Amino acid sequence: MAADPAPERQQQLVRVVRQDCGSCHGMRLGGGLGPALTPQALADKPVDGLAATIFHGRPGTPMPPWRAMLDEGEARWIAERLLTGFPELPASR
């Protein structure tokens, strides 16, 4: 199993999910153009399937592949966090 991304990269990934993914899945990840990404909505989804969707996208849907910006381990890290409740963006100073 791959190691978690470094703390600085984790912050970058939280920003990507909250801003880029949030533009379709809702800023609170509660759904929008794309489905909700809350732990309740994803409860029956396997982490490997979520990671694959993040990394490869969903052909024929608006869900793009993120493999140009993430590696597979980072996609899995995001999927694991989505299943447990995704972190908020740190407060701006």
N, C-alpha and C. Protein backbone atom coordinates (compact mmCIF):
# COMPACT_ATOMS: atom_id res chain seq x y z
N MET A 1 0.84 -1.17 0.00
CA MET A 1 0.00 0.00 0.00
C MET A 1 0.89 1.24 0.00
N ALA A 2 0.52 2.24 -0.76
CA ALA A 2 1.31 3.46 -0.87
C ALA A 2 1.20 4.28 0.42
N ALA A 3 2.26 5.01 0.71
CA ALA A 3 2.25 5.90 1.87
C ALA A 3 1.33 7.08 1.59
N ASP A 4 0.79 7.66 2.65
CA ASP A 4 -0.02 8.87 2.50
C ASP A 4 0.82 9.97 1.89
N PRO A 5 0.20 10.87 1.13
CA PRO A 5 0.95 12.03 0.62
C PRO A 5 1.51 12.85 1.78
N ALA A 6 2.57 13.58 1.51
CA ALA A 6 3.16 14.48 2.51
C ALA A 6 2.11 15.50 2.96
N PRO A 7 2.23 16.02 4.17
CA PRO A 7 1.22 16.97 4.68
C PRO A 7 0.96 18.16 3.76
N GLU A 8 1.98 18.72 3.15
CA GLU A 8 1.77 19.85 2.24
C GLU A 8 0.95 19.42 1.03
N ARG A 9 1.25 18.23 0.50
CA ARG A 9 0.49 17.73 -0.65
C ARG A 9 -0.95 17.42 -0.23
N GLN A 10 -1.15 16.92 0.98
CA GLN A 10 -2.50 16.67 1.47
C GLN A 10 -3.31 17.97 1.46
N GLN A 11 -2.71 19.07 1.88
CA GLN A 11 -3.40 20.36 1.85
C GLN A 11 -3.75 20.76 0.42
N GLN A 12 -2.85 20.50 -0.52
CA GLN A 12 -3.12 20.80 -1.92
C GLN A 12 -4.29 19.95 -2.42
N LEU A 13 -4.31 18.68 -2.04
CA LEU A 13 -5.38 17.78 -2.48
C LEU A 13 -6.72 18.19 -1.89
N VAL A 14 -6.73 18.62 -0.64
CA VAL A 14 -7.98 19.11 -0.04
C VAL A 14 -8.48 20.31 -0.83
N ARG A 15 -7.59 21.22 -1.19
CA ARG A 15 -7.97 22.39 -1.98
C ARG A 15 -8.54 21.97 -3.34
N VAL A 16 -7.89 21.03 -4.00
CA VAL A 16 -8.39 20.55 -5.30
C VAL A 16 -9.80 19.99 -5.17
N VAL A 17 -10.01 19.14 -4.18
CA VAL A 17 -11.33 18.53 -4.02
C VAL A 17 -12.37 19.59 -3.67
N ARG A 18 -12.07 20.44 -2.70
CA ARG A 18 -13.05 21.44 -2.26
C ARG A 18 -13.36 22.45 -3.35
N GLN A 19 -12.38 22.81 -4.18
CA GLN A 19 -12.62 23.83 -5.20
C GLN A 19 -12.98 23.21 -6.55
N ASP A 20 -12.13 22.33 -7.07
CA ASP A 20 -12.37 21.79 -8.41
C ASP A 20 -13.50 20.77 -8.42
N CYS A 21 -13.46 19.80 -7.53
CA CYS A 21 -14.52 18.80 -7.47
C CYS A 21 -15.83 19.44 -7.01
N GLY A 22 -15.68 20.40 -6.08
CA GLY A 22 -16.85 21.09 -5.55
C GLY A 22 -17.61 21.86 -6.61
N SER A 23 -16.97 22.25 -7.69
CA SER A 23 -17.67 22.99 -8.74
C SER A 23 -18.76 22.15 -9.39
N CYS A 24 -18.63 20.84 -9.38
CA CYS A 24 -19.68 19.94 -9.92
C CYS A 24 -20.43 19.21 -8.81
N HIS A 25 -19.72 18.83 -7.76
CA HIS A 25 -20.32 18.00 -6.70
C HIS A 25 -20.85 18.84 -5.54
N GLY A 26 -20.82 20.16 -5.68
CA GLY A 26 -21.30 21.05 -4.63
C GLY A 26 -20.16 21.44 -3.72
N MET A 27 -20.13 22.69 -3.32
CA MET A 27 -19.03 23.19 -2.51
C MET A 27 -18.92 22.47 -1.17
N ARG A 28 -20.02 21.92 -0.67
CA ARG A 28 -19.99 21.13 0.56
C ARG A 28 -20.02 19.63 0.22
N LEU A 29 -19.84 19.32 -1.10
CA LEU A 29 -19.81 17.95 -1.62
C LEU A 29 -21.15 17.24 -1.44
N GLY A 30 -22.22 18.02 -1.31
CA GLY A 30 -23.55 17.46 -1.12
C GLY A 30 -24.30 17.19 -2.40
N GLY A 31 -23.66 17.39 -3.54
CA GLY A 31 -24.28 17.13 -4.83
C GLY A 31 -24.55 18.41 -5.60
N GLY A 32 -24.61 18.28 -6.90
CA GLY A 32 -24.85 19.39 -7.82
C GLY A 32 -25.02 18.76 -9.18
N LEU A 33 -24.22 19.17 -10.15
CA LEU A 33 -24.20 18.49 -11.45
C LEU A 33 -23.81 17.04 -11.25
N GLY A 34 -22.84 16.83 -10.38
CA GLY A 34 -22.40 15.47 -10.02
C GLY A 34 -23.06 15.03 -8.73
N PRO A 35 -23.00 13.74 -8.43
CA PRO A 35 -23.65 13.23 -7.22
C PRO A 35 -22.94 13.69 -5.94
N ALA A 36 -23.62 13.54 -4.83
CA ALA A 36 -23.05 13.86 -3.53
C ALA A 36 -21.84 12.97 -3.25
N LEU A 37 -20.86 13.55 -2.57
CA LEU A 37 -19.64 12.82 -2.20
C LEU A 37 -19.52 12.75 -0.68
N THR A 38 -20.64 12.61 -0.01
CA THR A 38 -20.65 12.50 1.44
C THR A 38 -20.48 11.04 1.85
N PRO A 39 -20.03 10.79 3.08
CA PRO A 39 -19.91 9.40 3.53
C PRO A 39 -21.22 8.62 3.40
N GLN A 40 -22.34 9.27 3.66
CA GLN A 40 -23.63 8.60 3.55
C GLN A 40 -23.93 8.20 2.11
N ALA A 41 -23.66 9.10 1.18
CA ALA A 41 -23.93 8.82 -0.23
C ALA A 41 -22.99 7.76 -0.80
N LEU A 42 -21.79 7.65 -0.24
CA LEU A 42 -20.77 6.73 -0.77
C LEU A 42 -20.65 5.45 0.05
N ALA A 43 -21.50 5.26 1.04
CA ALA A 43 -21.37 4.16 1.99
C ALA A 43 -21.26 2.78 1.33
N ASP A 44 -21.92 2.58 0.22
CA ASP A 44 -21.91 1.25 -0.43
C ASP A 44 -20.88 1.15 -1.56
N LYS A 45 -20.03 2.16 -1.70
CA LYS A 45 -19.05 2.18 -2.78
C LYS A 45 -17.69 1.71 -2.27
N PRO A 46 -17.05 0.80 -2.99
CA PRO A 46 -15.70 0.35 -2.57
C PRO A 46 -14.65 1.43 -2.85
N VAL A 47 -13.69 1.53 -1.96
CA VAL A 47 -12.65 2.54 -2.10
C VAL A 47 -11.90 2.40 -3.42
N ASP A 48 -11.66 1.17 -3.86
CA ASP A 48 -10.94 0.98 -5.13
C ASP A 48 -11.72 1.54 -6.31
N GLY A 49 -13.04 1.36 -6.29
CA GLY A 49 -13.88 1.89 -7.36
C GLY A 49 -13.90 3.41 -7.36
N LEU A 50 -13.97 4.00 -6.18
CA LEU A 50 -13.94 5.47 -6.09
C LEU A 50 -12.60 6.01 -6.58
N ALA A 51 -11.52 5.37 -6.15
CA ALA A 51 -10.19 5.82 -6.58
C ALA A 51 -10.05 5.71 -8.10
N ALA A 52 -10.57 4.64 -8.68
CA ALA A 52 -10.49 4.47 -10.14
C ALA A 52 -11.30 5.55 -10.86
N THR A 53 -12.47 5.88 -10.32
CA THR A 53 -13.29 6.93 -10.93
C THR A 53 -12.57 8.27 -10.86
N ILE A 54 -11.96 8.57 -9.73
CA ILE A 54 -11.21 9.83 -9.59
C ILE A 54 -10.05 9.85 -10.60
N PHE A 55 -9.32 8.77 -10.68
CA PHE A 55 -8.11 8.73 -11.51
C PHE A 55 -8.44 8.68 -13.01
N HIS A 56 -9.42 7.84 -13.39
CA HIS A 56 -9.72 7.61 -14.81
C HIS A 56 -10.93 8.37 -15.33
N GLY A 57 -11.74 8.95 -14.43
CA GLY A 57 -12.96 9.62 -14.87
C GLY A 57 -14.04 8.61 -15.21
N ARG A 58 -15.13 9.11 -15.75
CA ARG A 58 -16.25 8.27 -16.20
C ARG A 58 -16.56 8.62 -17.64
N PRO A 59 -16.06 7.84 -18.60
CA PRO A 59 -16.33 8.14 -20.01
C PRO A 59 -17.84 8.25 -20.25
N GLY A 60 -18.21 9.21 -21.10
CA GLY A 60 -19.61 9.42 -21.43
C GLY A 60 -20.37 10.25 -20.41
N THR A 61 -19.65 10.75 -19.38
CA THR A 61 -20.26 11.62 -18.37
C THR A 61 -19.38 12.86 -18.24
N PRO A 62 -19.84 13.87 -17.50
CA PRO A 62 -18.99 15.05 -17.28
C PRO A 62 -17.80 14.79 -16.35
N MET A 63 -17.73 13.61 -15.71
CA MET A 63 -16.64 13.33 -14.77
C MET A 63 -15.33 13.11 -15.52
N PRO A 64 -14.38 14.08 -15.38
CA PRO A 64 -13.11 13.95 -16.10
C PRO A 64 -12.12 13.07 -15.34
N PRO A 65 -11.11 12.56 -16.05
CA PRO A 65 -10.02 11.89 -15.35
C PRO A 65 -9.12 12.94 -14.71
N TRP A 66 -8.60 12.63 -13.53
CA TRP A 66 -7.70 13.54 -12.83
C TRP A 66 -6.27 13.04 -12.85
N ARG A 67 -5.97 12.05 -13.69
CA ARG A 67 -4.63 11.45 -13.70
C ARG A 67 -3.52 12.42 -14.11
N ALA A 68 -3.86 13.51 -14.78
CA ALA A 68 -2.83 14.49 -15.13
C ALA A 68 -2.38 15.30 -13.91
N MET A 69 -3.22 15.32 -12.86
CA MET A 69 -2.91 16.11 -11.66
C MET A 69 -2.60 15.27 -10.43
N LEU A 70 -2.94 13.98 -10.48
CA LEU A 70 -2.81 13.09 -9.32
C LEU A 70 -2.15 11.80 -9.72
N ASP A 71 -1.51 11.15 -8.77
CA ASP A 71 -1.10 9.77 -9.03
C ASP A 71 -2.16 8.85 -8.40
N GLU A 72 -2.03 7.56 -8.64
CA GLU A 72 -3.06 6.63 -8.16
C GLU A 72 -3.14 6.59 -6.64
N GLY A 73 -2.00 6.73 -5.96
CA GLY A 73 -2.02 6.75 -4.50
C GLY A 73 -2.77 7.96 -3.96
N GLU A 74 -2.61 9.10 -4.63
CA GLU A 74 -3.34 10.30 -4.21
C GLU A 74 -4.84 10.16 -4.47
N ALA A 75 -5.20 9.52 -5.58
CA ALA A 75 -6.62 9.28 -5.85
C ALA A 75 -7.21 8.38 -4.76
N ARG A 76 -6.46 7.39 -4.34
CA ARG A 76 -6.94 6.51 -3.26
C ARG A 76 -7.03 7.28 -1.94
N TRP A 77 -6.07 8.13 -1.64
CA TRP A 77 -6.11 8.94 -0.43
C TRP A 77 -7.38 9.78 -0.41
N ILE A 78 -7.70 10.41 -1.54
CA ILE A 78 -8.93 11.21 -1.64
C ILE A 78 -10.15 10.32 -1.42
N ALA A 79 -10.20 9.16 -2.07
CA ALA A 79 -11.34 8.25 -1.92
C ALA A 79 -11.52 7.84 -0.46
N GLU A 80 -10.44 7.51 0.20
CA GLU A 80 -10.52 7.10 1.61
C GLU A 80 -11.07 8.24 2.46
N ARG A 81 -10.65 9.48 2.20
CA ARG A 81 -11.14 10.62 2.97
C ARG A 81 -12.62 10.89 2.67
N LEU A 82 -13.03 10.71 1.42
CA LEU A 82 -14.44 10.92 1.08
C LEU A 82 -15.34 9.96 1.85
N LEU A 83 -14.87 8.74 2.05
CA LEU A 83 -15.67 7.73 2.76
C LEU A 83 -15.80 8.03 4.25
N THR A 84 -14.90 8.81 4.80
CA THR A 84 -14.94 9.09 6.24
C THR A 84 -15.34 10.53 6.56
N GLY A 85 -15.52 11.35 5.55
CA GLY A 85 -15.85 12.76 5.76
C GLY A 85 -14.67 13.61 5.36
N PHE A 86 -14.77 14.28 4.23
CA PHE A 86 -13.62 14.98 3.66
C PHE A 86 -13.25 16.20 4.48
N PRO A 87 -11.94 16.44 4.67
CA PRO A 87 -11.49 17.59 5.46
C PRO A 87 -11.96 18.92 4.83
N GLU A 88 -12.14 19.89 5.67
CA GLU A 88 -12.46 21.25 5.22
C GLU A 88 -11.17 21.94 4.79
N LEU A 89 -11.31 23.00 4.01
CA LEU A 89 -10.15 23.84 3.69
C LEU A 89 -9.70 24.54 4.97
N PRO A 90 -8.39 24.68 5.15
CA PRO A 90 -7.93 25.43 6.32
C PRO A 90 -8.44 26.86 6.24
N ALA A 91 -8.68 27.48 7.37
CA ALA A 91 -9.15 28.87 7.42
C ALA A 91 -8.08 29.78 6.82
N SER A 92 -8.52 30.76 6.04
CA SER A 92 -7.58 31.73 5.46
C SER A 92 -7.13 32.70 6.53
N ARG A 93 -5.89 33.12 6.40
CA ARG A 93 -5.36 34.07 7.39
C ARG A 93 -5.36 35.45 6.82
